[in-house]
PDB file of N, CA and C in Angstrom:
ATOM      1  N   MET A   1     -42.309  12.270  28.834  1.00  0.00           N
ATOM      2  CA  MET A   1     -42.468  11.147  27.940  1.00  0.00           C
ATOM      3  C   MET A   1     -43.923  10.668  27.919  1.00  0.00           C
ATOM      4  N   LYS A   2     -44.844  11.395  28.489  1.00  0.00           N
ATOM      5  CA  LYS A   2     -46.235  10.989  28.593  1.00  0.00           C
ATOM      6  C   LYS A   2     -46.960  10.927  27.257  1.00  0.00           C
ATOM      7  N   ASP A   3     -46.519  11.622  26.235  1.00  0.00           N
ATOM      8  CA  ASP A   3     -47.171  11.560  24.926  1.00  0.00           C
ATOM      9  C   ASP A   3     -46.431  10.583  24.026  1.00  0.00           C
ATOM     10  N   SER A   4     -46.313   9.352  24.485  1.00  0.00           N
ATOM     11  CA  SER A   4     -45.550   8.386  23.709  1.00  0.00           C
ATOM     12  C   SER A   4     -46.140   6.989  23.839  1.00  0.00           C
ATOM     13  N   GLU A   5     -45.694   6.120  22.942  1.00  0.00           N
ATOM     14  CA  GLU A   5     -46.109   4.723  22.963  1.00  0.00           C
ATOM     15  C   GLU A   5     -44.941   3.867  23.442  1.00  0.00           C
ATOM     16  N   LEU A   6     -45.247   2.905  24.268  1.00  0.00           N
ATOM     17  CA  LEU A   6     -44.297   1.866  24.611  1.00  0.00           C
ATOM     18  C   LEU A   6     -44.594   0.711  23.665  1.00  0.00           C
ATOM     19  N   VAL A   7     -43.653   0.414  22.780  1.00  0.00           N
ATOM     20  CA  VAL A   7     -43.839  -0.661  21.807  1.00  0.00           C
ATOM     21  C   VAL A   7     -42.988  -1.846  22.245  1.00  0.00           C
ATOM     22  N   VAL A   8     -43.655  -2.965  22.466  1.00  0.00           N
ATOM     23  CA  VAL A   8     -42.992  -4.208  22.855  1.00  0.00           C
ATOM     24  C   VAL A   8     -43.154  -5.173  21.687  1.00  0.00           C
ATOM     25  N   ASP A   9     -42.060  -5.451  21.011  1.00  0.00           N
ATOM     26  CA  ASP A   9     -42.092  -6.288  19.810  1.00  0.00           C
ATOM     27  C   ASP A   9     -41.656  -7.709  20.168  1.00  0.00           C
ATOM     28  N   LEU A  10     -42.631  -8.609  20.212  1.00  0.00           N
ATOM     29  CA  LEU A  10     -42.364 -10.004  20.554  1.00  0.00           C
ATOM     30  C   LEU A  10     -42.372 -10.905  19.328  1.00  0.00           C
ATOM     31  N   ARG A  11     -42.443 -10.295  18.142  1.00  0.00           N
ATOM     32  CA  ARG A  11     -42.433 -11.095  16.921  1.00  0.00           C
ATOM     33  C   ARG A  11     -41.126 -11.875  16.830  1.00  0.00           C
ATOM     34  N   GLY A  12     -41.256 -13.113  16.411  1.00  0.00           N
ATOM     35  CA  GLY A  12     -40.093 -13.974  16.311  1.00  0.00           C
ATOM     36  C   GLY A  12     -39.806 -14.754  17.581  1.00  0.00           C
ATOM     37  N   GLN A  13     -40.476 -14.405  18.669  1.00  0.00           N
ATOM     38  CA  GLN A  13     -40.293 -15.139  19.920  1.00  0.00           C
ATOM     39  C   GLN A  13     -41.323 -16.261  20.010  1.00  0.00           C
ATOM     40  N   ARG A  14     -40.925 -17.357  20.578  1.00  0.00           N
ATOM     41  CA  ARG A  14     -41.822 -18.504  20.747  1.00  0.00           C
ATOM     42  C   ARG A  14     -42.709 -18.252  21.976  1.00  0.00           C
ATOM     43  N   ILE A  15     -43.989 -18.013  21.734  1.00  0.00           N
ATOM     44  CA  ILE A  15     -44.935 -17.764  22.822  1.00  0.00           C
ATOM     45  C   ILE A  15     -46.054 -18.793  22.704  1.00  0.00           C
ATOM     46  N   GLU A  16     -45.876 -19.881  23.434  1.00  0.00           N
ATOM     47  CA  GLU A  16     -46.818 -20.996  23.378  1.00  0.00           C
ATOM     48  C   GLU A  16     -47.793 -20.980  24.553  1.00  0.00           C
ATOM     49  N   THR A  17     -47.393 -20.377  25.666  1.00  0.00           N
ATOM     50  CA  THR A  17     -48.192 -20.396  26.893  1.00  0.00           C
ATOM     51  C   THR A  17     -48.253 -18.988  27.502  1.00  0.00           C
ATOM     52  N   LEU A  18     -49.134 -18.823  28.463  1.00  0.00           N
ATOM     53  CA  LEU A  18     -49.172 -17.549  29.184  1.00  0.00           C
ATOM     54  C   LEU A  18     -47.851 -17.294  29.895  1.00  0.00           C
ATOM     55  N   ASN A  19     -47.230 -18.328  30.437  1.00  0.00           N
ATOM     56  CA  ASN A  19     -45.929 -18.134  31.091  1.00  0.00           C
ATOM     57  C   ASN A  19     -44.894 -17.619  30.111  1.00  0.00           C
ATOM     58  N   ASP A  20     -44.936 -18.113  28.869  1.00  0.00           N
ATOM     59  CA  ASP A  20     -44.028 -17.573  27.845  1.00  0.00           C
ATOM     60  C   ASP A  20     -44.294 -16.092  27.627  1.00  0.00           C
ATOM     61  N   PHE A  21     -45.574 -15.704  27.613  1.00  0.00           N
ATOM     62  CA  PHE A  21     -45.927 -14.294  27.424  1.00  0.00           C
ATOM     63  C   PHE A  21     -45.423 -13.466  28.603  1.00  0.00           C
ATOM     64  N   TRP A  22     -45.659 -13.931  29.835  1.00  0.00           N
ATOM     65  CA  TRP A  22     -45.201 -13.173  31.018  1.00  0.00           C
ATOM     66  C   TRP A  22     -43.690 -13.021  30.975  1.00  0.00           C
ATOM     67  N   ASP A  23     -42.982 -14.105  30.632  1.00  0.00           N
ATOM     68  CA  ASP A  23     -41.522 -14.027  30.539  1.00  0.00           C
ATOM     69  C   ASP A  23     -41.100 -12.984  29.506  1.00  0.00           C
ATOM     70  N   ALA A  24     -41.794 -12.950  28.379  1.00  0.00           N
ATOM     71  CA  ALA A  24     -41.420 -12.056  27.276  1.00  0.00           C
ATOM     72  C   ALA A  24     -41.695 -10.585  27.593  1.00  0.00           C
ATOM     73  N   VAL A  25     -42.779 -10.281  28.303  1.00  0.00           N
ATOM     74  CA  VAL A  25     -43.119  -8.874  28.567  1.00  0.00           C
ATOM     75  C   VAL A  25     -42.529  -8.340  29.871  1.00  0.00           C
ATOM     76  N   SER A  26     -42.090  -9.209  30.746  1.00  0.00           N
ATOM     77  CA  SER A  26     -41.602  -8.766  32.065  1.00  0.00           C
ATOM     78  C   SER A  26     -40.517  -7.706  31.980  1.00  0.00           C
ATOM     79  N   GLY A  27     -39.489  -7.957  31.197  1.00  0.00           N
ATOM     80  CA  GLY A  27     -38.387  -6.989  31.078  1.00  0.00           C
ATOM     81  C   GLY A  27     -38.783  -5.711  30.382  1.00  0.00           C
ATOM     82  N   PRO A  28     -39.298  -5.806  29.136  1.00  0.00           N
ATOM     83  CA  PRO A  28     -39.632  -4.584  28.402  1.00  0.00           C
ATOM     84  C   PRO A  28     -40.709  -3.734  29.073  1.00  0.00           C
ATOM     85  N   CYS A  29     -41.598  -4.360  29.839  1.00  0.00           N
ATOM     86  CA  CYS A  29     -42.673  -3.616  30.502  1.00  0.00           C
ATOM     87  C   CYS A  29     -42.325  -3.241  31.938  1.00  0.00           C
ATOM     88  N   GLY A  30     -41.155  -3.644  32.400  1.00  0.00           N
ATOM     89  CA  GLY A  30     -40.740  -3.302  33.758  1.00  0.00           C
ATOM     90  C   GLY A  30     -41.660  -3.873  34.827  1.00  0.00           C
ATOM     91  N   LEU A  31     -42.086  -5.128  34.635  1.00  0.00           N
ATOM     92  CA  LEU A  31     -42.989  -5.730  35.620  1.00  0.00           C
ATOM     93  C   LEU A  31     -42.241  -6.019  36.911  1.00  0.00           C
ATOM     94  N   PRO A  32     -42.859  -5.716  38.045  1.00  0.00           N
ATOM     95  CA  PRO A  32     -42.193  -5.955  39.323  1.00  0.00           C
ATOM     96  C   PRO A  32     -42.062  -7.456  39.607  1.00  0.00           C
ATOM     97  N   GLN A  33     -41.117  -7.820  40.461  1.00  0.00           N
ATOM     98  CA  GLN A  33     -40.893  -9.224  40.836  1.00  0.00           C
ATOM     99  C   GLN A  33     -42.171  -9.876  41.368  1.00  0.00           C
ATOM    100  N   TRP A  34     -42.980  -9.109  42.056  1.00  0.00           N
ATOM    101  CA  TRP A  34     -44.183  -9.658  42.681  1.00  0.00           C
ATOM    102  C   TRP A  34     -45.382  -9.732  41.734  1.00  0.00           C
ATOM    103  N   PHE A  35     -45.182  -9.434  40.456  1.00  0.00           N
ATOM    104  CA  PHE A  35     -46.261  -9.510  39.471  1.00  0.00           C
ATOM    105  C   PHE A  35     -46.910 -10.894  39.519  1.00  0.00           C
ATOM    106  N   GLY A  36     -48.231 -10.934  39.548  1.00  0.00           N
ATOM    107  CA  GLY A  36     -48.981 -12.162  39.744  1.00  0.00           C
ATOM    108  C   GLY A  36     -48.981 -13.151  38.601  1.00  0.00           C
ATOM    109  N   ARG A  37     -48.512 -12.771  37.410  1.00  0.00           N
ATOM    110  CA  ARG A  37     -48.439 -13.671  36.258  1.00  0.00           C
ATOM    111  C   ARG A  37     -49.782 -14.349  35.973  1.00  0.00           C
ATOM    112  N   ASN A  38     -50.832 -13.535  35.972  1.00  0.00           N
ATOM    113  CA  ASN A  38     -52.154 -14.034  35.606  1.00  0.00           C
ATOM    114  C   ASN A  38     -52.911 -12.916  34.897  1.00  0.00           C
ATOM    115  N   LEU A  39     -54.045 -13.253  34.312  1.00  0.00           N
ATOM    116  CA  LEU A  39     -54.786 -12.287  33.499  1.00  0.00           C
ATOM    117  C   LEU A  39     -55.312 -11.117  34.314  1.00  0.00           C
ATOM    118  N   ASP A  40     -55.749 -11.359  35.543  1.00  0.00           N
ATOM    119  CA  ASP A  40     -56.234 -10.259  36.389  1.00  0.00           C
ATOM    120  C   ASP A  40     -55.105  -9.281  36.713  1.00  0.00           C
ATOM    121  N   ALA A  41     -53.938  -9.813  37.022  1.00  0.00           N
ATOM    122  CA  ALA A  41     -52.795  -8.949  37.333  1.00  0.00           C
ATOM    123  C   ALA A  41     -52.387  -8.135  36.102  1.00  0.00           C
ATOM    124  N   TRP A  42     -52.385  -8.770  34.920  1.00  0.00           N
ATOM    125  CA  TRP A  42     -52.044  -8.060  33.684  1.00  0.00           C
ATOM    126  C   TRP A  42     -53.054  -6.944  33.420  1.00  0.00           C
ATOM    127  N   SER A  43     -54.328  -7.239  33.610  1.00  0.00           N
ATOM    128  CA  SER A  43     -55.370  -6.231  33.411  1.00  0.00           C
ATOM    129  C   SER A  43     -55.142  -5.029  34.330  1.00  0.00           C
ATOM    130  N   ASP A  44     -54.816  -5.302  35.587  1.00  0.00           N
ATOM    131  CA  ASP A  44     -54.534  -4.213  36.531  1.00  0.00           C
ATOM    132  C   ASP A  44     -53.360  -3.364  36.059  1.00  0.00           C
ATOM    133  N   ILE A  45     -52.314  -4.019  35.588  1.00  0.00           N
ATOM    134  CA  ILE A  45     -51.120  -3.292  35.172  1.00  0.00           C
ATOM    135  C   ILE A  45     -51.398  -2.386  33.980  1.00  0.00           C
ATOM    136  N   ILE A  46     -52.132  -2.888  32.980  1.00  0.00           N
ATOM    137  CA  ILE A  46     -52.301  -2.080  31.764  1.00  0.00           C
ATOM    138  C   ILE A  46     -53.484  -1.131  31.822  1.00  0.00           C
ATOM    139  N   HIS A  47     -54.455  -1.398  32.694  1.00  0.00           N
ATOM    140  CA  HIS A  47     -55.622  -0.514  32.769  1.00  0.00           C
ATOM    141  C   HIS A  47     -55.556   0.454  33.951  1.00  0.00           C
ATOM    142  N   ALA A  48     -55.297  -0.052  35.130  1.00  0.00           N
ATOM    143  CA  ALA A  48     -55.273   0.806  36.326  1.00  0.00           C
ATOM    144  C   ALA A  48     -53.973   1.593  36.422  1.00  0.00           C
ATOM    145  N   ARG A  49     -52.914   1.010  35.837  1.00  0.00           N
ATOM    146  CA  ARG A  49     -51.569   1.602  35.884  1.00  0.00           C
ATOM    147  C   ARG A  49     -51.118   1.705  37.344  1.00  0.00           C
ATOM    148  N   ASP A  50     -50.160   2.558  37.653  1.00  0.00           N
ATOM    149  CA  ASP A  50     -49.584   2.718  38.996  1.00  0.00           C
ATOM    150  C   ASP A  50     -48.905   1.456  39.516  1.00  0.00           C
ATOM    151  N   ILE A  51     -48.465   0.561  38.614  1.00  0.00           N
ATOM    152  CA  ILE A  51     -47.773  -0.646  39.044  1.00  0.00           C
ATOM    153  C   ILE A  51     -46.395  -0.729  38.397  1.00  0.00           C
ATOM    154  N   SER A  52     -46.317  -0.446  37.108  1.00  0.00           N
ATOM    155  CA  SER A  52     -45.057  -0.488  36.377  1.00  0.00           C
ATOM    156  C   SER A  52     -44.678   0.931  35.959  1.00  0.00           C
ATOM    157  N   GLU A  53     -43.538   1.401  36.440  1.00  0.00           N
ATOM    158  CA  GLU A  53     -43.072   2.740  36.060  1.00  0.00           C
ATOM    159  C   GLU A  53     -42.844   2.835  34.561  1.00  0.00           C
ATOM    160  N   VAL A  54     -42.415   1.748  33.940  1.00  0.00           N
ATOM    161  CA  VAL A  54     -42.159   1.750  32.499  1.00  0.00           C
ATOM    162  C   VAL A  54     -43.464   1.970  31.737  1.00  0.00           C
ATOM    163  N   ILE A  55     -44.482   1.184  32.031  1.00  0.00           N
ATOM    164  CA  ILE A  55     -45.775   1.332  31.353  1.00  0.00           C
ATOM    165  C   ILE A  55     -46.398   2.680  31.704  1.00  0.00           C
ATOM    166  N   ASP A  56     -46.314   3.055  32.968  1.00  0.00           N
ATOM    167  CA  ASP A  56     -46.928   4.309  33.420  1.00  0.00           C
ATOM    168  C   ASP A  56     -46.334   5.545  32.762  1.00  0.00           C
ATOM    169  N   SER A  57     -45.102   5.448  32.279  1.00  0.00           N
ATOM    170  CA  SER A  57     -44.460   6.620  31.683  1.00  0.00           C
ATOM    171  C   SER A  57     -44.849   6.819  30.216  1.00  0.00           C
ATOM    172  N   HIS A  58     -45.765   6.006  29.713  1.00  0.00           N
ATOM    173  CA  HIS A  58     -46.249   6.110  28.333  1.00  0.00           C
ATOM    174  C   HIS A  58     -47.772   6.165  28.323  1.00  0.00           C
ATOM    175  N   ASN A  59     -48.311   6.853  27.347  1.00  0.00           N
ATOM    176  CA  ASN A  59     -49.771   6.922  27.202  1.00  0.00           C
ATOM    177  C   ASN A  59     -50.348   5.630  26.659  1.00  0.00           C
ATOM    178  N   VAL A  60     -49.596   4.975  25.784  1.00  0.00           N
ATOM    179  CA  VAL A  60     -50.110   3.821  25.058  1.00  0.00           C
ATOM    180  C   VAL A  60     -49.104   2.680  25.141  1.00  0.00           C
ATOM    181  N   LEU A  61     -49.636   1.475  25.326  1.00  0.00           N
ATOM    182  CA  LEU A  61     -48.838   0.256  25.272  1.00  0.00           C
ATOM    183  C   LEU A  61     -49.233  -0.510  24.015  1.00  0.00           C
ATOM    184  N   VAL A  62     -48.253  -0.837  23.174  1.00  0.00           N
ATOM    185  CA  VAL A  62     -48.489  -1.619  21.955  1.00  0.00           C
ATOM    186  C   VAL A  62     -47.611  -2.866  22.030  1.00  0.00           C
ATOM    187  N   VAL A  63     -48.250  -4.033  21.942  1.00  0.00           N
ATOM    188  CA  VAL A  63     -47.520  -5.297  21.962  1.00  0.00           C
ATOM    189  C   VAL A  63     -47.737  -5.996  20.623  1.00  0.00           C
ATOM    190  N   HIS A  64     -46.635  -6.292  19.936  1.00  0.00           N
ATOM    191  CA  HIS A  64     -46.678  -7.020  18.666  1.00  0.00           C
ATOM    192  C   HIS A  64     -46.343  -8.483  18.927  1.00  0.00           C
ATOM    193  N   VAL A  65     -47.162  -9.391  18.382  1.00  0.00           N
ATOM    194  CA  VAL A  65     -46.886 -10.826  18.481  1.00  0.00           C
ATOM    195  C   VAL A  65     -47.156 -11.476  17.133  1.00  0.00           C
ATOM    196  N   ASP A  66     -46.631 -12.669  16.955  1.00  0.00           N
ATOM    197  CA  ASP A  66     -46.918 -13.458  15.765  1.00  0.00           C
ATOM    198  C   ASP A  66     -48.175 -14.295  16.000  1.00  0.00           C
ATOM    199  N   ARG A  67     -48.867 -14.590  14.907  1.00  0.00           N
ATOM    200  CA  ARG A  67     -50.060 -15.437  14.992  1.00  0.00           C
ATOM    201  C   ARG A  67     -49.614 -16.908  14.988  1.00  0.00           C
ATOM    202  N   HIS A  68     -49.148 -17.353  16.136  1.00  0.00           N
ATOM    203  CA  HIS A  68     -48.833 -18.764  16.330  1.00  0.00           C
ATOM    204  C   HIS A  68     -48.832 -19.035  17.822  1.00  0.00           C
ATOM    205  N   GLY A  69     -48.820 -20.298  18.189  1.00  0.00           N
ATOM    206  CA  GLY A  69     -48.802 -20.657  19.595  1.00  0.00           C
ATOM    207  C   GLY A  69     -50.011 -20.119  20.335  1.00  0.00           C
ATOM    208  N   LEU A  70     -49.773 -19.308  21.326  1.00  0.00           N
ATOM    209  CA  LEU A  70     -50.825 -18.744  22.173  1.00  0.00           C
ATOM    210  C   LEU A  70     -51.826 -17.909  21.380  1.00  0.00           C
ATOM    211  N   PHE A  71     -51.388 -17.321  20.280  1.00  0.00           N
ATOM    212  CA  PHE A  71     -52.229 -16.404  19.510  1.00  0.00           C
ATOM    213  C   PHE A  71     -52.712 -17.001  18.188  1.00  0.00           C
ATOM    214  N   GLU A  72     -52.759 -18.303  18.123  1.00  0.00           N
ATOM    215  CA  GLU A  72     -53.159 -18.984  16.897  1.00  0.00           C
ATOM    216  C   GLU A  72     -54.487 -19.711  17.100  1.00  0.00           C
ATOM    217  N   GLY A  73     -55.366 -19.577  16.140  1.00  0.00           N
ATOM    218  CA  GLY A  73     -56.598 -20.358  16.130  1.00  0.00           C
ATOM    219  C   GLY A  73     -57.490 -20.148  17.335  1.00  0.00           C
ATOM    220  N   ASP A  74     -57.919 -21.267  17.894  1.00  0.00           N
ATOM    221  CA  ASP A  74     -58.908 -21.245  18.971  1.00  0.00           C
ATOM    222  C   ASP A  74     -58.307 -21.416  20.359  1.00  0.00           C
ATOM    223  N   CYS A  75     -57.108 -20.967  20.568  1.00  0.00           N
ATOM    224  CA  CYS A  75     -56.473 -21.084  21.880  1.00  0.00           C
ATOM    225  C   CYS A  75     -57.219 -20.188  22.869  1.00  0.00           C
ATOM    226  N   ARG A  76     -57.934 -20.802  23.791  1.00  0.00           N
ATOM    227  CA  ARG A  76     -58.787 -20.054  24.730  1.00  0.00           C
ATOM    228  C   ARG A  76     -57.994 -19.063  25.580  1.00  0.00           C
ATOM    229  N   LYS A  77     -56.847 -19.492  26.089  1.00  0.00           N
ATOM    230  CA  LYS A  77     -56.041 -18.592  26.928  1.00  0.00           C
ATOM    231  C   LYS A  77     -55.544 -17.397  26.124  1.00  0.00           C
ATOM    232  N   GLY A  78     -55.195 -17.628  24.876  1.00  0.00           N
ATOM    233  CA  GLY A  78     -54.784 -16.525  24.003  1.00  0.00           C
ATOM    234  C   GLY A  78     -55.927 -15.559  23.745  1.00  0.00           C
ATOM    235  N   GLN A  79     -57.118 -16.096  23.544  1.00  0.00           N
ATOM    236  CA  GLN A  79     -58.297 -15.250  23.341  1.00  0.00           C
ATOM    237  C   GLN A  79     -58.605 -14.440  24.586  1.00  0.00           C
ATOM    238  N   ASP A  80     -58.467 -15.067  25.762  1.00  0.00           N
ATOM    239  CA  ASP A  80     -58.715 -14.353  27.024  1.00  0.00           C
ATOM    240  C   ASP A  80     -57.711 -13.215  27.208  1.00  0.00           C
ATOM    241  N   LEU A  81     -56.446 -13.477  26.896  1.00  0.00           N
ATOM    242  CA  LEU A  81     -55.414 -12.443  26.995  1.00  0.00           C
ATOM    243  C   LEU A  81     -55.698 -11.320  26.005  1.00  0.00           C
ATOM    244  N   THR A  82     -56.027 -11.672  24.786  1.00  0.00           N
ATOM    245  CA  THR A  82     -56.318 -10.680  23.750  1.00  0.00           C
ATOM    246  C   THR A  82     -57.465  -9.768  24.164  1.00  0.00           C
ATOM    247  N   ALA A  83     -58.467 -10.320  24.815  1.00  0.00           N
ATOM    248  CA  ALA A  83     -59.647  -9.560  25.226  1.00  0.00           C
ATOM    249  C   ALA A  83     -59.327  -8.488  26.271  1.00  0.00           C
ATOM    250  N   ILE A  84     -58.234  -8.626  26.983  1.00  0.00           N
ATOM    251  CA  ILE A  84     -57.866  -7.642  28.009  1.00  0.00           C
ATOM    252  C   ILE A  84     -57.412  -6.322  27.376  1.00  0.00           C
ATOM    253  N   PHE A  85     -56.800  -6.400  26.207  1.00  0.00           N
ATOM    254  CA  PHE A  85     -56.359  -5.190  25.526  1.00  0.00           C
ATOM    255  C   PHE A  85     -57.575  -4.433  25.004  1.00  0.00           C
ATOM    256  N   ASP A  86     -57.620  -3.110  25.226  1.00  0.00           N
ATOM    257  CA  ASP A  86     -58.797  -2.322  24.842  1.00  0.00           C
ATOM    258  C   ASP A  86     -58.734  -1.779  23.414  1.00  0.00           C
ATOM    259  N   GLY A  87     -57.600  -1.906  22.760  1.00  0.00           N
ATOM    260  CA  GLY A  87     -57.474  -1.439  21.385  1.00  0.00           C
ATOM    261  C   GLY A  87     -57.175   0.040  21.255  1.00  0.00           C
ATOM    262  N   GLU A  88     -57.162   0.756  22.341  1.00  0.00           N
ATOM    263  CA  GLU A  88     -56.852   2.184  22.322  1.00  0.00           C
ATOM    264  C   GLU A  88     -55.610   2.469  23.154  1.00  0.00           C
ATOM    265  N   GLN A  89     -55.761   2.477  24.467  1.00  0.00           N
ATOM    266  CA  GLN A  89     -54.616   2.735  25.341  1.00  0.00           C
ATOM    267  C   GLN A  89     -53.681   1.525  25.384  1.00  0.00           C
ATOM    268  N   ASN A  90     -54.237   0.350  25.177  1.00  0.00           N
ATOM    269  CA  ASN A  90     -53.482  -0.895  25.218  1.00  0.00           C
ATOM    270  C   ASN A  90     -53.828  -1.700  23.984  1.00  0.00           C
ATOM    271  N   ARG A  91     -52.829  -1.917  23.117  1.00  0.00           N
ATOM    272  CA  ARG A  91     -53.098  -2.591  21.845  1.00  0.00           C
ATOM    273  C   ARG A  91     -52.251  -3.847  21.703  1.00  0.00           C
ATOM    274  N   LEU A  92     -52.903  -4.917  21.286  1.00  0.00           N
ATOM    275  CA  LEU A  92     -52.203  -6.133  20.933  1.00  0.00           C
ATOM    276  C   LEU A  92     -52.344  -6.298  19.437  1.00  0.00           C
ATOM    277  N   LEU A  93     -51.226  -6.289  18.734  1.00  0.00           N
ATOM    278  CA  LEU A  93     -51.227  -6.442  17.279  1.00  0.00           C
ATOM    279  C   LEU A  93     -50.697  -7.816  16.930  1.00  0.00           C
ATOM    280  N   ILE A  94     -51.549  -8.641  16.341  1.00  0.00           N
ATOM    281  CA  ILE A  94     -51.191 -10.004  15.990  1.00  0.00           C
ATOM    282  C   ILE A  94     -50.901 -10.052  14.501  1.00  0.00           C
ATOM    283  N   ASP A  95     -49.645 -10.311  14.170  1.00  0.00           N
ATOM    284  CA  ASP A  95     -49.217 -10.354  12.771  1.00  0.00           C
ATOM    285  C   ASP A  95     -49.550 -11.706  12.163  1.00  0.00           C
ATOM    286  N   PRO A  96     -49.923 -11.709  10.891  1.00  0.00           N
ATOM    287  CA  PRO A  96     -50.201 -12.985  10.229  1.00  0.00           C
ATOM    288  C   PRO A  96     -48.929 -13.804  10.086  1.00  0.00           C
ATOM    289  N   PRO A  97     -49.094 -15.116   9.932  1.00  0.00           N
ATOM    290  CA  PRO A  97     -47.894 -15.959   9.753  1.00  0.00           C
ATOM    291  C   PRO A  97     -47.160 -15.574   8.475  1.00  0.00           C
ATOM    292  N   THR A  98     -45.863 -15.740   8.510  1.00  0.00           N
ATOM    293  CA  THR A  98     -45.062 -15.415   7.322  1.00  0.00           C
ATOM    294  C   THR A  98     -44.699 -16.667   6.558  1.00  0.00           C
TER     295      THR A  98
END
């Protein structure tokens, strides 16, 4: 399964805070119980790999979110999270509001 994308579709979910994001990705990404729930820990998981068997079993991680809450406007924490995705191996796709 190494030549595949893991697509996590969070569109339609209310993601107002980083905790909402961690809650939303924990299951689909197979995050371990001890996951640090912070930006450094997320960066380690998606870039260094060797932490989540689910993410590790795919070449590419694609996360879809709506442009609201954490991903709307000038939300600094949302911008910091967005910056962690490299756009190649790890992609965050922010859909416009409907």
